[in-house]
């Protein structure tokens, strides 16, 4: 799976749980999650390349690119899906525990953090 395919799959999965506004190329605004309003809405700063770096292991290898003993394509796809599901859980947690004024979600150090607008990395 290439970076764009992974990103499209991620946005599709996120779209099942959240209402998304924005241009997916530079991030999306989440206005509700699991039917509950997110107030104020949060901006998830993500692009195909950031997402790929986030789900990659310490050697920079994405789950779908890791070899398996039996080279089962379904096992590779399951590893990728598990990684993306973990990211969705991290997003939910970041939204729930964010401090006032921290309305921007960023992918950093294997986690999702809620930060203020002036703390968003370039």
N, C-alpha and C. Protein backbone atom coordinates (compact mmCIF):
# COMPACT_ATOMS: atom_id res chain seq x y z
N UNK A 1 0.86 -1.17 0.00
CA UNK A 1 0.00 0.00 0.00
C UNK A 1 0.91 1.23 0.00
N UNK A 2 0.64 2.16 -0.91
CA UNK A 2 1.46 3.37 -0.93
C UNK A 2 0.87 4.41 0.03
N UNK A 3 1.61 5.51 0.19
CA UNK A 3 1.21 6.54 1.16
C UNK A 3 -0.18 7.09 0.89
N UNK A 4 -0.50 7.36 -0.37
CA UNK A 4 -1.80 7.93 -0.71
C UNK A 4 -2.93 6.93 -0.45
N UNK A 5 -2.71 5.67 -0.78
CA UNK A 5 -3.74 4.65 -0.52
C UNK A 5 -4.00 4.52 0.98
N UNK A 6 -2.92 4.53 1.77
CA UNK A 6 -3.05 4.45 3.22
C UNK A 6 -3.85 5.65 3.74
N UNK A 7 -3.52 6.83 3.23
CA UNK A 7 -4.18 8.06 3.66
C UNK A 7 -5.67 8.03 3.31
N UNK A 8 -5.98 7.61 2.10
CA UNK A 8 -7.38 7.51 1.68
C UNK A 8 -8.14 6.51 2.55
N UNK A 9 -7.49 5.41 2.87
CA UNK A 9 -8.12 4.40 3.72
C UNK A 9 -8.35 4.96 5.12
N UNK A 10 -7.37 5.69 5.63
CA UNK A 10 -7.49 6.30 6.95
C UNK A 10 -8.65 7.30 6.98
N UNK A 11 -8.72 8.19 5.98
CA UNK A 11 -9.81 9.18 5.95
C UNK A 11 -11.16 8.50 5.85
N UNK A 12 -11.23 7.41 5.10
CA UNK A 12 -12.48 6.68 4.99
C UNK A 12 -12.89 6.09 6.34
N UNK A 13 -11.94 5.48 7.04
CA UNK A 13 -12.23 4.91 8.36
C UNK A 13 -12.61 6.01 9.35
N UNK A 14 -11.89 7.12 9.32
CA UNK A 14 -12.20 8.23 10.22
C UNK A 14 -13.58 8.80 9.90
N UNK A 15 -13.92 8.85 8.62
CA UNK A 15 -15.22 9.37 8.21
C UNK A 15 -16.40 8.57 8.71
N UNK A 16 -16.18 7.29 9.03
CA UNK A 16 -17.25 6.48 9.60
C UNK A 16 -17.53 6.86 11.05
N UNK A 17 -16.54 7.46 11.71
CA UNK A 17 -16.69 7.81 13.13
C UNK A 17 -16.85 9.29 13.37
N UNK A 18 -16.45 10.11 12.41
CA UNK A 18 -16.43 11.55 12.64
C UNK A 18 -16.93 12.29 11.41
N UNK A 19 -17.50 13.46 11.64
CA UNK A 19 -17.85 14.34 10.53
C UNK A 19 -16.61 15.16 10.21
N UNK A 20 -16.18 15.10 8.95
CA UNK A 20 -14.95 15.75 8.52
C UNK A 20 -15.24 16.93 7.62
N UNK A 21 -14.60 18.06 7.90
CA UNK A 21 -14.66 19.23 7.03
C UNK A 21 -13.22 19.58 6.68
N UNK A 22 -13.04 20.16 5.52
CA UNK A 22 -11.71 20.63 5.16
C UNK A 22 -11.19 19.97 3.91
N UNK A 23 -10.01 20.37 3.55
CA UNK A 23 -9.34 19.83 2.39
C UNK A 23 -8.42 18.72 2.86
N UNK A 24 -8.69 17.47 2.50
CA UNK A 24 -7.88 16.38 3.02
C UNK A 24 -6.38 16.51 2.74
N UNK A 25 -5.98 17.25 1.74
CA UNK A 25 -4.56 17.37 1.43
C UNK A 25 -3.77 18.02 2.55
N UNK A 26 -4.38 18.91 3.32
CA UNK A 26 -3.62 19.59 4.38
C UNK A 26 -4.23 19.39 5.76
N UNK A 27 -5.13 18.46 5.90
CA UNK A 27 -5.74 18.18 7.19
C UNK A 27 -7.24 18.33 7.12
N UNK A 28 -7.88 17.91 8.19
CA UNK A 28 -9.34 17.95 8.24
C UNK A 28 -9.81 18.47 9.59
N UNK A 29 -10.98 19.08 9.60
CA UNK A 29 -11.62 19.52 10.83
C UNK A 29 -12.60 18.45 11.27
N UNK A 30 -12.54 18.08 12.53
CA UNK A 30 -13.47 17.11 13.10
C UNK A 30 -14.50 17.88 13.92
N UNK A 31 -15.76 17.81 13.50
CA UNK A 31 -16.81 18.56 14.18
C UNK A 31 -17.67 17.68 15.08
N UNK A 32 -17.59 16.36 14.89
CA UNK A 32 -18.23 15.44 15.82
C UNK A 32 -17.50 14.12 15.76
N UNK A 33 -17.67 13.33 16.80
CA UNK A 33 -17.03 12.02 16.89
C UNK A 33 -18.03 11.06 17.49
N UNK A 34 -18.31 10.00 16.80
CA UNK A 34 -19.28 8.99 17.24
C UNK A 34 -20.63 9.62 17.58
N UNK A 35 -21.04 10.61 16.78
CA UNK A 35 -22.34 11.24 16.95
C UNK A 35 -22.39 12.33 18.00
N UNK A 36 -21.31 12.55 18.71
CA UNK A 36 -21.25 13.60 19.72
C UNK A 36 -20.48 14.80 19.18
N UNK A 37 -20.98 16.02 19.39
CA UNK A 37 -20.28 17.19 18.87
C UNK A 37 -18.91 17.37 19.52
N UNK A 38 -17.96 17.80 18.72
CA UNK A 38 -16.65 18.19 19.22
C UNK A 38 -16.67 19.71 19.21
N UNK A 39 -16.72 20.30 20.40
CA UNK A 39 -16.89 21.74 20.50
C UNK A 39 -15.84 22.34 21.41
N UNK A 40 -14.98 23.18 20.88
CA UNK A 40 -14.91 23.57 19.47
C UNK A 40 -14.30 22.45 18.63
N UNK A 41 -14.56 22.54 17.33
CA UNK A 41 -14.02 21.55 16.41
C UNK A 41 -12.49 21.54 16.49
N UNK A 42 -11.90 20.41 16.16
CA UNK A 42 -10.45 20.31 16.16
C UNK A 42 -9.95 20.11 14.73
N UNK A 43 -8.76 20.58 14.48
CA UNK A 43 -8.11 20.43 13.18
C UNK A 43 -7.07 19.32 13.31
N UNK A 44 -7.23 18.25 12.55
CA UNK A 44 -6.26 17.17 12.50
C UNK A 44 -5.28 17.47 11.38
N UNK A 45 -4.04 17.74 11.76
CA UNK A 45 -3.00 18.08 10.78
C UNK A 45 -2.34 16.78 10.32
N UNK A 46 -2.76 16.31 9.16
CA UNK A 46 -2.23 15.05 8.64
C UNK A 46 -2.22 15.11 7.12
N UNK A 47 -1.24 14.47 6.54
CA UNK A 47 -1.13 14.32 5.09
C UNK A 47 -0.60 12.91 4.84
N UNK A 48 -0.58 12.47 3.60
CA UNK A 48 -0.11 11.10 3.34
C UNK A 48 1.28 10.80 3.90
N UNK A 49 2.19 11.74 3.79
CA UNK A 49 3.56 11.51 4.25
C UNK A 49 3.64 11.46 5.78
N UNK A 50 2.95 12.36 6.46
CA UNK A 50 2.95 12.35 7.93
C UNK A 50 2.33 11.06 8.46
N UNK A 51 1.25 10.65 7.83
CA UNK A 51 0.59 9.42 8.25
C UNK A 51 1.54 8.23 8.07
N UNK A 52 2.22 8.16 6.94
CA UNK A 52 3.16 7.05 6.69
C UNK A 52 4.26 7.03 7.75
N UNK A 53 4.81 8.19 8.08
CA UNK A 53 5.85 8.25 9.12
C UNK A 53 5.29 7.80 10.47
N UNK A 54 4.05 8.17 10.74
CA UNK A 54 3.44 7.86 12.04
C UNK A 54 3.23 6.36 12.22
N UNK A 55 2.81 5.67 11.19
CA UNK A 55 2.51 4.23 11.33
C UNK A 55 3.72 3.35 11.04
N UNK A 56 4.82 3.94 10.62
CA UNK A 56 6.03 3.16 10.34
C UNK A 56 6.74 2.76 11.63
N UNK A 57 7.53 1.69 11.55
CA UNK A 57 8.29 1.27 12.72
C UNK A 57 9.58 2.09 12.84
N UNK A 58 10.43 1.74 13.79
CA UNK A 58 11.64 2.51 14.04
C UNK A 58 12.59 2.55 12.85
N UNK A 59 12.49 1.58 11.97
CA UNK A 59 13.33 1.57 10.76
C UNK A 59 12.65 2.26 9.58
N UNK A 60 11.46 2.84 9.82
CA UNK A 60 10.75 3.53 8.75
C UNK A 60 9.96 2.62 7.83
N UNK A 61 9.68 1.40 8.29
CA UNK A 61 8.95 0.43 7.47
C UNK A 61 7.48 0.44 7.88
N UNK A 62 6.60 0.65 6.91
CA UNK A 62 5.16 0.64 7.17
C UNK A 62 4.68 -0.79 7.40
N UNK A 63 3.59 -0.98 8.15
CA UNK A 63 3.10 -2.33 8.43
C UNK A 63 2.88 -3.17 7.18
N UNK A 64 2.36 -2.57 6.13
CA UNK A 64 2.08 -3.34 4.92
C UNK A 64 3.34 -3.72 4.15
N UNK A 65 4.46 -3.14 4.50
CA UNK A 65 5.72 -3.45 3.81
C UNK A 65 6.57 -4.45 4.59
N UNK A 66 6.16 -4.82 5.79
CA UNK A 66 6.94 -5.76 6.59
C UNK A 66 6.76 -7.17 6.04
N UNK A 67 7.85 -7.89 5.89
CA UNK A 67 7.71 -9.27 5.43
C UNK A 67 7.12 -10.15 6.52
N UNK A 68 6.37 -11.16 6.12
CA UNK A 68 5.85 -12.15 7.06
C UNK A 68 6.45 -13.49 6.69
N UNK A 69 6.36 -14.44 7.59
CA UNK A 69 6.92 -15.75 7.32
C UNK A 69 6.27 -16.43 6.13
N UNK A 70 4.98 -16.24 5.97
CA UNK A 70 4.28 -16.90 4.87
C UNK A 70 3.92 -15.94 3.74
N UNK A 71 4.35 -14.69 3.83
CA UNK A 71 4.04 -13.67 2.82
C UNK A 71 2.56 -13.64 2.47
N UNK A 72 1.72 -13.79 3.47
CA UNK A 72 0.28 -13.76 3.29
C UNK A 72 -0.18 -12.31 3.13
N UNK A 73 -0.72 -11.93 1.96
CA UNK A 73 -1.16 -10.54 1.76
C UNK A 73 -2.22 -10.11 2.77
N UNK A 74 -3.06 -11.05 3.22
CA UNK A 74 -4.09 -10.69 4.20
C UNK A 74 -3.46 -10.33 5.54
N UNK A 75 -2.38 -11.01 5.91
CA UNK A 75 -1.70 -10.70 7.16
C UNK A 75 -1.09 -9.30 7.10
N UNK A 76 -0.55 -8.93 5.94
CA UNK A 76 0.01 -7.58 5.77
C UNK A 76 -1.10 -6.54 5.88
N UNK A 77 -2.23 -6.81 5.25
CA UNK A 77 -3.35 -5.88 5.30
C UNK A 77 -3.89 -5.75 6.73
N UNK A 78 -3.93 -6.84 7.47
CA UNK A 78 -4.40 -6.81 8.85
C UNK A 78 -3.48 -5.98 9.73
N UNK A 79 -2.17 -6.07 9.50
CA UNK A 79 -1.22 -5.27 10.27
C UNK A 79 -1.44 -3.78 10.00
N UNK A 80 -1.67 -3.44 8.75
CA UNK A 80 -1.93 -2.05 8.38
C UNK A 80 -3.22 -1.57 9.02
N UNK A 81 -4.26 -2.37 8.95
CA UNK A 81 -5.56 -2.00 9.53
C UNK A 81 -5.43 -1.82 11.05
N UNK A 82 -4.69 -2.69 11.71
CA UNK A 82 -4.51 -2.56 13.16
C UNK A 82 -3.79 -1.27 13.51
N UNK A 83 -2.81 -0.91 12.72
CA UNK A 83 -2.07 0.33 12.96
C UNK A 83 -2.99 1.55 12.80
N UNK A 84 -3.83 1.53 11.78
CA UNK A 84 -4.75 2.65 11.56
C UNK A 84 -5.83 2.70 12.64
N UNK A 85 -6.29 1.55 13.11
CA UNK A 85 -7.27 1.52 14.19
C UNK A 85 -6.68 2.09 15.47
N UNK A 86 -5.42 1.80 15.72
CA UNK A 86 -4.74 2.35 16.88
C UNK A 86 -4.68 3.88 16.79
N UNK A 87 -4.41 4.37 15.59
CA UNK A 87 -4.37 5.82 15.38
C UNK A 87 -5.73 6.45 15.64
N UNK A 88 -6.80 5.81 15.21
CA UNK A 88 -8.15 6.34 15.47
C UNK A 88 -8.41 6.43 16.97
N UNK A 89 -7.97 5.43 17.72
CA UNK A 89 -8.14 5.46 19.18
C UNK A 89 -7.32 6.60 19.79
N UNK A 90 -6.12 6.84 19.27
CA UNK A 90 -5.29 7.94 19.77
C UNK A 90 -5.95 9.29 19.51
N UNK A 91 -6.59 9.43 18.36
CA UNK A 91 -7.28 10.68 18.03
C UNK A 91 -8.42 10.91 19.01
N UNK A 92 -9.21 9.87 19.25
CA UNK A 92 -10.32 10.00 20.19
C UNK A 92 -9.82 10.40 21.58
N UNK A 93 -8.77 9.76 22.05
CA UNK A 93 -8.24 10.08 23.37
C UNK A 93 -7.74 11.52 23.43
N UNK A 94 -7.04 11.96 22.38
CA UNK A 94 -6.51 13.33 22.36
C UNK A 94 -7.64 14.35 22.42
N UNK A 95 -8.74 14.06 21.75
CA UNK A 95 -9.89 14.97 21.77
C UNK A 95 -10.49 15.02 23.19
N UNK A 96 -10.61 13.87 23.81
CA UNK A 96 -11.26 13.79 25.12
C UNK A 96 -10.46 14.45 26.24
N UNK A 97 -9.13 14.44 26.13
CA UNK A 97 -8.32 14.96 27.24
C UNK A 97 -7.67 16.31 26.92
N UNK A 98 -8.02 16.91 25.81
CA UNK A 98 -7.36 18.17 25.42
C UNK A 98 -7.71 19.30 26.38
N UNK A 99 -6.78 20.23 26.47
CA UNK A 99 -6.98 21.42 27.30
C UNK A 99 -7.67 22.50 26.48
N UNK A 100 -8.34 23.45 27.13
CA UNK A 100 -8.97 24.55 26.39
C UNK A 100 -7.94 25.28 25.53
N UNK A 101 -8.33 25.58 24.31
CA UNK A 101 -7.44 26.28 23.38
C UNK A 101 -6.52 25.36 22.60
N UNK A 102 -6.50 24.09 22.94
CA UNK A 102 -5.68 23.12 22.21
C UNK A 102 -6.58 22.40 21.20
N UNK A 103 -6.81 23.08 20.10
CA UNK A 103 -7.77 22.63 19.11
C UNK A 103 -7.12 22.10 17.83
N UNK A 104 -5.85 21.75 17.92
CA UNK A 104 -5.12 21.23 16.76
C UNK A 104 -4.49 19.90 17.16
N UNK A 105 -4.78 18.86 16.39
CA UNK A 105 -4.21 17.54 16.66
C UNK A 105 -3.04 17.31 15.71
N UNK A 106 -1.92 16.89 16.28
CA UNK A 106 -0.72 16.63 15.49
C UNK A 106 -0.20 15.24 15.82
N UNK A 107 0.44 14.62 14.84
CA UNK A 107 1.04 13.30 15.01
C UNK A 107 2.50 13.51 15.39
N UNK A 108 2.86 13.15 16.62
CA UNK A 108 4.24 13.34 17.08
C UNK A 108 4.67 12.15 17.95
N UNK A 109 5.88 11.71 17.73
CA UNK A 109 6.49 10.67 18.57
C UNK A 109 5.58 9.47 18.78
N UNK A 110 4.93 9.00 17.72
CA UNK A 110 4.07 7.83 17.83
C UNK A 110 2.76 8.05 18.54
N UNK A 111 2.40 9.30 18.77
CA UNK A 111 1.16 9.61 19.49
C UNK A 111 0.45 10.76 18.78
N UNK A 112 -0.74 11.04 19.25
CA UNK A 112 -1.51 12.19 18.77
C UNK A 112 -1.61 13.16 19.93
N UNK A 113 -1.25 14.39 19.68
CA UNK A 113 -1.28 15.41 20.74
C UNK A 113 -2.18 16.56 20.32
N UNK A 114 -2.91 17.09 21.29
CA UNK A 114 -3.71 18.30 21.07
C UNK A 114 -2.84 19.48 21.49
N UNK A 115 -2.67 20.43 20.58
CA UNK A 115 -1.83 21.59 20.84
C UNK A 115 -2.55 22.87 20.43
N UNK A 116 -2.02 23.99 20.87
CA UNK A 116 -2.54 25.31 20.45
C UNK A 116 -2.06 25.59 19.03
N UNK A 117 -2.71 26.52 18.36
CA UNK A 117 -2.40 26.84 16.96
C UNK A 117 -0.93 27.21 16.77
N UNK A 118 -0.35 27.93 17.74
CA UNK A 118 1.03 28.36 17.58
C UNK A 118 2.05 27.26 17.86
N UNK A 119 1.57 26.07 18.22
CA UNK A 119 2.46 24.95 18.49
C UNK A 119 2.43 23.89 17.38
N UNK A 120 1.68 24.16 16.32
CA UNK A 120 1.59 23.20 15.21
C UNK A 120 2.91 23.25 14.43
N UNK A 121 3.56 22.09 14.27
CA UNK A 121 4.80 22.09 13.49
C UNK A 121 4.55 22.46 12.03
N UNK A 122 5.53 23.08 11.43
CA UNK A 122 5.41 23.48 10.02
C UNK A 122 5.47 22.29 9.11
